[in-house]
Amino acid sequence: MQSRLSAESFSALSERELQVLEVIARDKTDREVARHLGIRERTVRAHVGRIIVKLGVASRVGAAVAFVRWNAGERGCDCSRVAEKPMVALVGGTPH
């Protein structure tokens, strides 16, 4: 896993992968990404898998955080430990 992401990390992504990542960074589900981009959910999942591998992050959340930080100007952010475990939604203090 990469310890630091750079412009080169993101330049390895295809234009469509960047589009998918941008929508994912807005906290959208695969279904929502598919609808937004006019592609199938299965295709979104394939793109997400390639994005995770190319960026060397642990999850789609890690990829989204890295993308947001990179776009905010934090070039070379240390995103290797971002979202190593899945996030759990808390409603009323209990996991769901």
PDB file of N, CA and C in Angstrom:
ATOM      1  N   MET A   1       0.839  -1.180   0.000  1.00  0.00           N
ATOM      2  CA  MET A   1       0.000   0.000   0.000  1.00  0.00           C
ATOM      3  C   MET A   1       0.882   1.241   0.000  1.00  0.00           C
ATOM      4  N   GLN A   2       0.530   2.223  -0.798  1.00  0.00           N
ATOM      5  CA  GLN A   2       1.306   3.448  -0.858  1.00  0.00           C
ATOM      6  C   GLN A   2       1.128   4.242   0.423  1.00  0.00           C
ATOM      7  N   SER A   3       2.194   4.898   0.844  1.00  0.00           N
ATOM      8  CA  SER A   3       2.072   5.718   2.039  1.00  0.00           C
ATOM      9  C   SER A   3       1.702   7.152   1.691  1.00  0.00           C
ATOM     10  N   ARG A   4       2.036   7.582   0.497  1.00  0.00           N
ATOM     11  CA  ARG A   4       1.704   8.949   0.108  1.00  0.00           C
ATOM     12  C   ARG A   4       1.174   8.959  -1.309  1.00  0.00           C
ATOM     13  N   LEU A   5       0.089   9.662  -1.498  1.00  0.00           N
ATOM     14  CA  LEU A   5      -0.500   9.783  -2.824  1.00  0.00           C
ATOM     15  C   LEU A   5      -0.048  11.097  -3.436  1.00  0.00           C
ATOM     16  N   SER A   6       0.133  11.078  -4.741  1.00  0.00           N
ATOM     17  CA  SER A   6       0.598  12.272  -5.436  1.00  0.00           C
ATOM     18  C   SER A   6      -0.228  12.457  -6.700  1.00  0.00           C
ATOM     19  N   ALA A   7       0.112  13.497  -7.428  1.00  0.00           N
ATOM     20  CA  ALA A   7      -0.566  13.744  -8.703  1.00  0.00           C
ATOM     21  C   ALA A   7      -0.415  12.549  -9.629  1.00  0.00           C
ATOM     22  N   GLU A   8       0.731  11.875  -9.552  1.00  0.00           N
ATOM     23  CA  GLU A   8       0.964  10.696 -10.391  1.00  0.00           C
ATOM     24  C   GLU A   8      -0.013   9.576 -10.037  1.00  0.00           C
ATOM     25  N   SER A   9      -0.348   9.447  -8.758  1.00  0.00           N
ATOM     26  CA  SER A   9      -1.311   8.433  -8.329  1.00  0.00           C
ATOM     27  C   SER A   9      -2.644   8.648  -9.025  1.00  0.00           C
ATOM     28  N   PHE A  10      -3.096   9.885  -9.056  1.00  0.00           N
ATOM     29  CA  PHE A  10      -4.385  10.186  -9.661  1.00  0.00           C
ATOM     30  C   PHE A  10      -4.308  10.199 -11.182  1.00  0.00           C
ATOM     31  N   SER A  11      -3.143  10.486 -11.741  1.00  0.00           N
ATOM     32  CA  SER A  11      -3.008  10.476 -13.200  1.00  0.00           C
ATOM     33  C   SER A  11      -3.053   9.047 -13.747  1.00  0.00           C
ATOM     34  N   ALA A  12      -2.865   8.058 -12.872  1.00  0.00           N
ATOM     35  CA  ALA A  12      -2.966   6.658 -13.291  1.00  0.00           C
ATOM     36  C   ALA A  12      -4.421   6.247 -13.524  1.00  0.00           C
ATOM     37  N   LEU A  13      -5.347   7.038 -13.012  1.00  0.00           N
ATOM     38  CA  LEU A  13      -6.762   6.728 -13.183  1.00  0.00           C
ATOM     39  C   LEU A  13      -7.254   7.186 -14.545  1.00  0.00           C
ATOM     40  N   SER A  14      -8.156   6.405 -15.122  1.00  0.00           N
ATOM     41  CA  SER A  14      -8.770   6.804 -16.390  1.00  0.00           C
ATOM     42  C   SER A  14      -9.747   7.954 -16.116  1.00  0.00           C
ATOM     43  N   GLU A  15     -10.182   8.597 -17.176  1.00  0.00           N
ATOM     44  CA  GLU A  15     -11.133   9.694 -17.017  1.00  0.00           C
ATOM     45  C   GLU A  15     -12.417   9.197 -16.361  1.00  0.00           C
ATOM     46  N   ARG A  16     -12.893   8.024 -16.763  1.00  0.00           N
ATOM     47  CA  ARG A  16     -14.118   7.473 -16.191  1.00  0.00           C
ATOM     48  C   ARG A  16     -13.915   7.116 -14.713  1.00  0.00           C
ATOM     49  N   GLU A  17     -12.746   6.578 -14.371  1.00  0.00           N
ATOM     50  CA  GLU A  17     -12.462   6.270 -12.971  1.00  0.00           C
ATOM     51  C   GLU A  17     -12.458   7.541 -12.127  1.00  0.00           C
ATOM     52  N   LEU A  18     -11.926   8.610 -12.665  1.00  0.00           N
ATOM     53  CA  LEU A  18     -11.958   9.896 -11.953  1.00  0.00           C
ATOM     54  C   LEU A  18     -13.388  10.391 -11.780  1.00  0.00           C
ATOM     55  N   GLN A  19     -14.223  10.201 -12.804  1.00  0.00           N
ATOM     56  CA  GLN A  19     -15.629  10.597 -12.703  1.00  0.00           C
ATOM     57  C   GLN A  19     -16.324   9.803 -11.607  1.00  0.00           C
ATOM     58  N   VAL A  20     -16.088   8.493 -11.589  1.00  0.00           N
ATOM     59  CA  VAL A  20     -16.682   7.631 -10.562  1.00  0.00           C
ATOM     60  C   VAL A  20     -16.198   8.067  -9.186  1.00  0.00           C
ATOM     61  N   LEU A  21     -14.909   8.308  -9.051  1.00  0.00           N
ATOM     62  CA  LEU A  21     -14.341   8.709  -7.769  1.00  0.00           C
ATOM     63  C   LEU A  21     -14.913  10.042  -7.297  1.00  0.00           C
ATOM     64  N   GLU A  22     -15.106  10.956  -8.212  1.00  0.00           N
ATOM     65  CA  GLU A  22     -15.673  12.254  -7.849  1.00  0.00           C
ATOM     66  C   GLU A  22     -17.081  12.096  -7.282  1.00  0.00           C
ATOM     67  N   VAL A  23     -17.881  11.227  -7.880  1.00  0.00           N
ATOM     68  CA  VAL A  23     -19.246  11.018  -7.383  1.00  0.00           C
ATOM     69  C   VAL A  23     -19.212  10.257  -6.055  1.00  0.00           C
ATOM     70  N   ILE A  24     -18.342   9.280  -5.946  1.00  0.00           N
ATOM     71  CA  ILE A  24     -18.197   8.536  -4.687  1.00  0.00           C
ATOM     72  C   ILE A  24     -17.784   9.482  -3.559  1.00  0.00           C
ATOM     73  N   ALA A  25     -16.935  10.444  -3.879  1.00  0.00           N
ATOM     74  CA  ALA A  25     -16.463  11.399  -2.871  1.00  0.00           C
ATOM     75  C   ALA A  25     -17.604  12.265  -2.343  1.00  0.00           C
ATOM     76  N   ARG A  26     -18.728  12.266  -3.055  1.00  0.00           N
ATOM     77  CA  ARG A  26     -19.920  12.988  -2.591  1.00  0.00           C
ATOM     78  C   ARG A  26     -20.823  12.067  -1.772  1.00  0.00           C
ATOM     79  N   ASP A  27     -20.247  10.940  -1.309  1.00  0.00           N
ATOM     80  CA  ASP A  27     -20.937   9.975  -0.442  1.00  0.00           C
ATOM     81  C   ASP A  27     -22.137   9.342  -1.126  1.00  0.00           C
ATOM     82  N   LYS A  28     -21.956   8.954  -2.379  1.00  0.00           N
ATOM     83  CA  LYS A  28     -23.024   8.305  -3.133  1.00  0.00           C
ATOM     84  C   LYS A  28     -22.799   6.795  -3.184  1.00  0.00           C
ATOM     85  N   THR A  29     -23.881   6.054  -3.221  1.00  0.00           N
ATOM     86  CA  THR A  29     -23.825   4.602  -3.339  1.00  0.00           C
ATOM     87  C   THR A  29     -23.509   4.210  -4.777  1.00  0.00           C
ATOM     88  N   ASP A  30     -23.192   2.923  -4.963  1.00  0.00           N
ATOM     89  CA  ASP A  30     -22.948   2.435  -6.327  1.00  0.00           C
ATOM     90  C   ASP A  30     -24.161   2.691  -7.219  1.00  0.00           C
ATOM     91  N   ARG A  31     -25.342   2.459  -6.683  1.00  0.00           N
ATOM     92  CA  ARG A  31     -26.576   2.690  -7.455  1.00  0.00           C
ATOM     93  C   ARG A  31     -26.688   4.149  -7.877  1.00  0.00           C
ATOM     94  N   GLU A  32     -26.406   5.057  -6.943  1.00  0.00           N
ATOM     95  CA  GLU A  32     -26.486   6.486  -7.249  1.00  0.00           C
ATOM     96  C   GLU A  32     -25.427   6.901  -8.255  1.00  0.00           C
ATOM     97  N   VAL A  33     -24.220   6.346  -8.117  1.00  0.00           N
ATOM     98  CA  VAL A  33     -23.147   6.639  -9.079  1.00  0.00           C
ATOM     99  C   VAL A  33     -23.563   6.158 -10.461  1.00  0.00           C
ATOM    100  N   ALA A  34     -24.096   4.951 -10.524  1.00  0.00           N
ATOM    101  CA  ALA A  34     -24.525   4.378 -11.806  1.00  0.00           C
ATOM    102  C   ALA A  34     -25.581   5.256 -12.464  1.00  0.00           C
ATOM    103  N   ARG A  35     -26.574   5.658 -11.686  1.00  0.00           N
ATOM    104  CA  ARG A  35     -27.629   6.524 -12.229  1.00  0.00           C
ATOM    105  C   ARG A  35     -27.057   7.851 -12.718  1.00  0.00           C
ATOM    106  N   HIS A  36     -26.189   8.435 -11.914  1.00  0.00           N
ATOM    107  CA  HIS A  36     -25.609   9.747 -12.245  1.00  0.00           C
ATOM    108  C   HIS A  36     -24.789   9.691 -13.540  1.00  0.00           C
ATOM    109  N   LEU A  37     -24.031   8.611 -13.722  1.00  0.00           N
ATOM    110  CA  LEU A  37     -23.142   8.508 -14.882  1.00  0.00           C
ATOM    111  C   LEU A  37     -23.738   7.722 -16.042  1.00  0.00           C
ATOM    112  N   GLY A  38     -24.924   7.153 -15.844  1.00  0.00           N
ATOM    113  CA  GLY A  38     -25.570   6.407 -16.915  1.00  0.00           C
ATOM    114  C   GLY A  38     -24.877   5.085 -17.228  1.00  0.00           C
ATOM    115  N   ILE A  39     -24.378   4.420 -16.182  1.00  0.00           N
ATOM    116  CA  ILE A  39     -23.722   3.124 -16.349  1.00  0.00           C
ATOM    117  C   ILE A  39     -24.352   2.134 -15.370  1.00  0.00           C
ATOM    118  N   ARG A  40     -23.986   0.868 -15.482  1.00  0.00           N
ATOM    119  CA  ARG A  40     -24.530  -0.158 -14.596  1.00  0.00           C
ATOM    120  C   ARG A  40     -23.795  -0.187 -13.264  1.00  0.00           C
ATOM    121  N   GLU A  41     -24.507  -0.658 -12.226  1.00  0.00           N
ATOM    122  CA  GLU A  41     -23.887  -0.790 -10.901  1.00  0.00           C
ATOM    123  C   GLU A  41     -22.675  -1.705 -10.948  1.00  0.00           C
ATOM    124  N   ARG A  42     -22.774  -2.767 -11.718  1.00  0.00           N
ATOM    125  CA  ARG A  42     -21.661  -3.711 -11.839  1.00  0.00           C
ATOM    126  C   ARG A  42     -20.414  -3.014 -12.399  1.00  0.00           C
ATOM    127  N   THR A  43     -20.628  -2.122 -13.338  1.00  0.00           N
ATOM    128  CA  THR A  43     -19.524  -1.358 -13.914  1.00  0.00           C
ATOM    129  C   THR A  43     -18.925  -0.425 -12.870  1.00  0.00           C
ATOM    130  N   VAL A  44     -19.776   0.182 -12.072  1.00  0.00           N
ATOM    131  CA  VAL A  44     -19.293   1.054 -10.989  1.00  0.00           C
ATOM    132  C   VAL A  44     -18.407   0.248 -10.047  1.00  0.00           C
ATOM    133  N   ARG A  45     -18.874  -0.940  -9.640  1.00  0.00           N
ATOM    134  CA  ARG A  45     -18.090  -1.776  -8.727  1.00  0.00           C
ATOM    135  C   ARG A  45     -16.730  -2.127  -9.334  1.00  0.00           C
ATOM    136  N   ALA A  46     -16.708  -2.405 -10.630  1.00  0.00           N
ATOM    137  CA  ALA A  46     -15.438  -2.721 -11.300  1.00  0.00           C
ATOM    138  C   ALA A  46     -14.508  -1.506 -11.268  1.00  0.00           C
ATOM    139  N   HIS A  47     -15.055  -0.328 -11.547  1.00  0.00           N
ATOM    140  CA  HIS A  47     -14.248   0.899 -11.498  1.00  0.00           C
ATOM    141  C   HIS A  47     -13.708   1.131 -10.088  1.00  0.00           C
ATOM    142  N   VAL A  48     -14.559   0.955  -9.094  1.00  0.00           N
ATOM    143  CA  VAL A  48     -14.149   1.183  -7.706  1.00  0.00           C
ATOM    144  C   VAL A  48     -13.007   0.243  -7.336  1.00  0.00           C
ATOM    145  N   GLY A  49     -13.104  -1.007  -7.733  1.00  0.00           N
ATOM    146  CA  GLY A  49     -12.036  -1.964  -7.459  1.00  0.00           C
ATOM    147  C   GLY A  49     -10.713  -1.536  -8.061  1.00  0.00           C
ATOM    148  N   ARG A  50     -10.757  -1.068  -9.310  1.00  0.00           N
ATOM    149  CA  ARG A  50      -9.529  -0.613  -9.971  1.00  0.00           C
ATOM    150  C   ARG A  50      -8.985   0.661  -9.321  1.00  0.00           C
ATOM    151  N   ILE A  51      -9.873   1.554  -8.907  1.00  0.00           N
ATOM    152  CA  ILE A  51      -9.460   2.795  -8.242  1.00  0.00           C
ATOM    153  C   ILE A  51      -8.706   2.471  -6.957  1.00  0.00           C
ATOM    154  N   ILE A  52      -9.254   1.561  -6.157  1.00  0.00           N
ATOM    155  CA  ILE A  52      -8.631   1.177  -4.886  1.00  0.00           C
ATOM    156  C   ILE A  52      -7.236   0.611  -5.135  1.00  0.00           C
ATOM    157  N   VAL A  53      -7.118  -0.265  -6.126  1.00  0.00           N
ATOM    158  CA  VAL A  53      -5.818  -0.868  -6.439  1.00  0.00           C
ATOM    159  C   VAL A  53      -4.835   0.190  -6.928  1.00  0.00           C
ATOM    160  N   LYS A  54      -5.255   1.022  -7.865  1.00  0.00           N
ATOM    161  CA  LYS A  54      -4.362   2.025  -8.444  1.00  0.00           C
ATOM    162  C   LYS A  54      -3.887   3.045  -7.412  1.00  0.00           C
ATOM    163  N   LEU A  55      -4.767   3.423  -6.487  1.00  0.00           N
ATOM    164  CA  LEU A  55      -4.380   4.406  -5.468  1.00  0.00           C
ATOM    165  C   LEU A  55      -3.692   3.754  -4.281  1.00  0.00           C
ATOM    166  N   GLY A  56      -3.845   2.445  -4.143  1.00  0.00           N
ATOM    167  CA  GLY A  56      -3.212   1.747  -3.031  1.00  0.00           C
ATOM    168  C   GLY A  56      -3.825   2.086  -1.690  1.00  0.00           C
ATOM    169  N   VAL A  57      -5.139   2.290  -1.673  1.00  0.00           N
ATOM    170  CA  VAL A  57      -5.840   2.589  -0.425  1.00  0.00           C
ATOM    171  C   VAL A  57      -6.600   1.348   0.023  1.00  0.00           C
ATOM    172  N   ALA A  58      -7.125   1.383   1.250  1.00  0.00           N
ATOM    173  CA  ALA A  58      -7.768   0.212   1.834  1.00  0.00           C
ATOM    174  C   ALA A  58      -9.224   0.030   1.423  1.00  0.00           C
ATOM    175  N   SER A  59      -9.878   1.101   0.992  1.00  0.00           N
ATOM    176  CA  SER A  59     -11.310   1.008   0.715  1.00  0.00           C
ATOM    177  C   SER A  59     -11.775   2.166  -0.163  1.00  0.00           C
ATOM    178  N   ARG A  60     -13.055   2.106  -0.552  1.00  0.00           N
ATOM    179  CA  ARG A  60     -13.634   3.203  -1.324  1.00  0.00           C
ATOM    180  C   ARG A  60     -13.664   4.481  -0.501  1.00  0.00           C
ATOM    181  N   VAL A  61     -13.834   4.354   0.811  1.00  0.00           N
ATOM    182  CA  VAL A  61     -13.825   5.531   1.678  1.00  0.00           C
ATOM    183  C   VAL A  61     -12.432   6.157   1.674  1.00  0.00           C
ATOM    184  N   GLY A  62     -11.401   5.316   1.747  1.00  0.00           N
ATOM    185  CA  GLY A  62     -10.029   5.824   1.676  1.00  0.00           C
ATOM    186  C   GLY A  62      -9.759   6.532   0.368  1.00  0.00           C
ATOM    187  N   ALA A  63     -10.287   5.974  -0.728  1.00  0.00           N
ATOM    188  CA  ALA A  63     -10.125   6.599  -2.044  1.00  0.00           C
ATOM    189  C   ALA A  63     -10.839   7.946  -2.086  1.00  0.00           C
ATOM    190  N   ALA A  64     -12.053   7.987  -1.535  1.00  0.00           N
ATOM    191  CA  ALA A  64     -12.822   9.232  -1.527  1.00  0.00           C
ATOM    192  C   ALA A  64     -12.131  10.305  -0.698  1.00  0.00           C
ATOM    193  N   VAL A  65     -11.632   9.922   0.472  1.00  0.00           N
ATOM    194  CA  VAL A  65     -10.936  10.883   1.337  1.00  0.00           C
ATOM    195  C   VAL A  65      -9.679  11.397   0.636  1.00  0.00           C
ATOM    196  N   ALA A  66      -8.929  10.483   0.024  1.00  0.00           N
ATOM    197  CA  ALA A  66      -7.714  10.884  -0.690  1.00  0.00           C
ATOM    198  C   ALA A  66      -8.052  11.863  -1.808  1.00  0.00           C
ATOM    199  N   PHE A  67      -9.125  11.580  -2.544  1.00  0.00           N
ATOM    200  CA  PHE A  67      -9.548  12.442  -3.646  1.00  0.00           C
ATOM    201  C   PHE A  67      -9.930  13.835  -3.137  1.00  0.00           C
ATOM    202  N   VAL A  68     -10.695  13.885  -2.063  1.00  0.00           N
ATOM    203  CA  VAL A  68     -11.122  15.173  -1.504  1.00  0.00           C
ATOM    204  C   VAL A  68      -9.910  15.971  -1.019  1.00  0.00           C
ATOM    205  N   ARG A  69      -9.013  15.301  -0.319  1.00  0.00           N
ATOM    206  CA  ARG A  69      -7.802  15.986   0.172  1.00  0.00           C
ATOM    207  C   ARG A  69      -6.939  16.466  -0.984  1.00  0.00           C
ATOM    208  N   TRP A  70      -6.796  15.621  -1.988  1.00  0.00           N
ATOM    209  CA  TRP A  70      -5.969  15.981  -3.140  1.00  0.00           C
ATOM    210  C   TRP A  70      -6.572  17.181  -3.869  1.00  0.00           C
ATOM    211  N   ASN A  71      -7.887  17.187  -4.044  1.00  0.00           N
ATOM    212  CA  ASN A  71      -8.549  18.318  -4.698  1.00  0.00           C
ATOM    213  C   ASN A  71      -8.486  19.583  -3.858  1.00  0.00           C
ATOM    214  N   ALA A  72      -8.380  19.426  -2.548  1.00  0.00           N
ATOM    215  CA  ALA A  72      -8.310  20.584  -1.658  1.00  0.00           C
ATOM    216  C   ALA A  72      -6.905  21.158  -1.581  1.00  0.00           C
ATOM    217  N   GLY A  73      -5.979  20.543  -2.300  1.00  0.00           N
ATOM    218  CA  GLY A  73      -4.628  21.087  -2.330  1.00  0.00           C
ATOM    219  C   GLY A  73      -3.655  20.407  -1.403  1.00  0.00           C
ATOM    220  N   GLU A  74      -4.086  19.341  -0.746  1.00  0.00           N
ATOM    221  CA  GLU A  74      -3.181  18.624   0.140  1.00  0.00           C
ATOM    222  C   GLU A  74      -2.421  17.583  -0.670  1.00  0.00           C
ATOM    223  N   ARG A  75      -1.712  18.041  -1.677  1.00  0.00           N
ATOM    224  CA  ARG A  75      -0.961  17.145  -2.555  1.00  0.00           C
ATOM    225  C   ARG A  75       0.013  16.323  -1.725  1.00  0.00           C
ATOM    226  N   GLY A  76       0.132  15.059  -2.052  1.00  0.00           N
ATOM    227  CA  GLY A  76       1.028  14.185  -1.316  1.00  0.00           C
ATOM    228  C   GLY A  76       0.497  13.829   0.056  1.00  0.00           C
ATOM    229  N   CYS A  77      -0.840  13.781   0.209  1.00  0.00           N
ATOM    230  CA  CYS A  77      -1.413  13.482   1.523  1.00  0.00           C
ATOM    231  C   CYS A  77      -1.083  12.058   1.947  1.00  0.00           C
ATOM    232  N   ASP A  78      -0.953  11.858   3.247  1.00  0.00           N
ATOM    233  CA  ASP A  78      -0.701  10.530   3.796  1.00  0.00           C
ATOM    234  C   ASP A  78      -2.054   9.880   4.037  1.00  0.00           C
ATOM    235  N   CYS A  79      -2.506   9.085   3.086  1.00  0.00           N
ATOM    236  CA  CYS A  79      -3.842   8.495   3.152  1.00  0.00           C
ATOM    237  C   CYS A  79      -3.801   6.988   3.296  1.00  0.00           C
ATOM    238  N   SER A  80      -2.674   6.429   3.653  1.00  0.00           N
ATOM    239  CA  SER A  80      -2.519   4.987   3.687  1.00  0.00           C
ATOM    240  C   SER A  80      -3.348   4.328   4.775  1.00  0.00           C
ATOM    241  N   ARG A  81      -3.625   5.032   5.846  1.00  0.00           N
ATOM    242  CA  ARG A  81      -4.369   4.425   6.940  1.00  0.00           C
ATOM    243  C   ARG A  81      -5.824   4.841   6.948  1.00  0.00           C
ATOM    244  N   VAL A  82      -6.267   5.568   5.964  1.00  0.00           N
ATOM    245  CA  VAL A  82      -7.634   6.057   5.928  1.00  0.00           C
ATOM    246  C   VAL A  82      -8.589   4.896   5.692  1.00  0.00           C
ATOM    247  N   ALA A  83      -9.561   4.764   6.552  1.00  0.00           N
ATOM    248  CA  ALA A  83     -10.643   3.794   6.423  1.00  0.00           C
ATOM    249  C   ALA A  83     -10.152   2.370   6.222  1.00  0.00           C
ATOM    250  N   GLU A  84      -9.262   1.926   7.107  1.00  0.00           N
ATOM    251  CA  GLU A  84      -8.804   0.547   7.017  1.00  0.00           C
ATOM    252  C   GLU A  84      -9.904  -0.423   7.430  1.00  0.00           C
ATOM    253  N   LYS A  85     -10.847   0.045   8.237  1.00  0.00           N
ATOM    254  CA  LYS A  85     -11.978  -0.779   8.639  1.00  0.00           C
ATOM    255  C   LYS A  85     -13.247  -0.125   8.104  1.00  0.00           C
ATOM    256  N   PRO A  86     -14.263  -0.932   7.772  1.00  0.00           N
ATOM    257  CA  PRO A  86     -15.502  -0.343   7.261  1.00  0.00           C
ATOM    258  C   PRO A  86     -16.156   0.560   8.299  1.00  0.00           C
ATOM    259  N   MET A  87     -16.798   1.592   7.829  1.00  0.00           N
ATOM    260  CA  MET A  87     -17.499   2.498   8.721  1.00  0.00           C
ATOM    261  C   MET A  87     -18.870   1.916   9.029  1.00  0.00           C
ATOM    262  N   VAL A  88     -19.370   2.162  10.234  1.00  0.00           N
ATOM    263  CA  VAL A  88     -20.685   1.694  10.641  1.00  0.00           C
ATOM    264  C   VAL A  88     -21.518   2.914  10.955  1.00  0.00           C
ATOM    265  N   ALA A  89     -22.722   2.937  10.385  1.00  0.00           N
ATOM    266  CA  ALA A  89     -23.618   4.060  10.651  1.00  0.00           C
ATOM    267  C   ALA A  89     -24.178   3.932  12.061  1.00  0.00           C
ATOM    268  N   LEU A  90     -24.147   4.998  12.798  1.00  0.00           N
ATOM    269  CA  LEU A  90     -24.716   5.005  14.144  1.00  0.00           C
ATOM    270  C   LEU A  90     -26.018   5.781  14.131  1.00  0.00           C
ATOM    271  N   VAL A  91     -27.064   5.126  14.601  1.00  0.00           N
ATOM    272  CA  VAL A  91     -28.361   5.775  14.730  1.00  0.00           C
ATOM    273  C   VAL A  91     -28.771   5.624  16.178  1.00  0.00           C
ATOM    274  N   GLY A  92     -28.886   6.715  16.886  1.00  0.00           N
ATOM    275  CA  GLY A  92     -29.240   6.651  18.290  1.00  0.00           C
ATOM    276  C   GLY A  92     -28.181   5.980  19.143  1.00  0.00           C
ATOM    277  N   GLY A  93     -26.897   6.009  18.681  1.00  0.00           N
ATOM    278  CA  GLY A  93     -25.800   5.457  19.452  1.00  0.00           C
ATOM    279  C   GLY A  93     -25.575   3.971  19.281  1.00  0.00           C
ATOM    280  N   THR A  94     -26.357   3.313  18.414  1.00  0.00           N
ATOM    281  CA  THR A  94     -26.181   1.881  18.189  1.00  0.00           C
ATOM    282  C   THR A  94     -25.812   1.626  16.742  1.00  0.00           C
ATOM    283  N   PRO A  95     -24.924   0.671  16.496  1.00  0.00           N
ATOM    284  CA  PRO A  95     -24.528   0.364  15.112  1.00  0.00           C
ATOM    285  C   PRO A  95     -25.683  -0.224  14.306  1.00  0.00           C
ATOM    286  N   HIS A  96     -25.741   0.142  13.029  1.00  0.00           N
ATOM    287  CA  HIS A  96     -26.761  -0.399  12.108  1.00  0.00           C
ATOM    288  C   HIS A  96     -26.116  -0.857  10.840  1.00  0.00           C
TER     289      HIS A  96
END
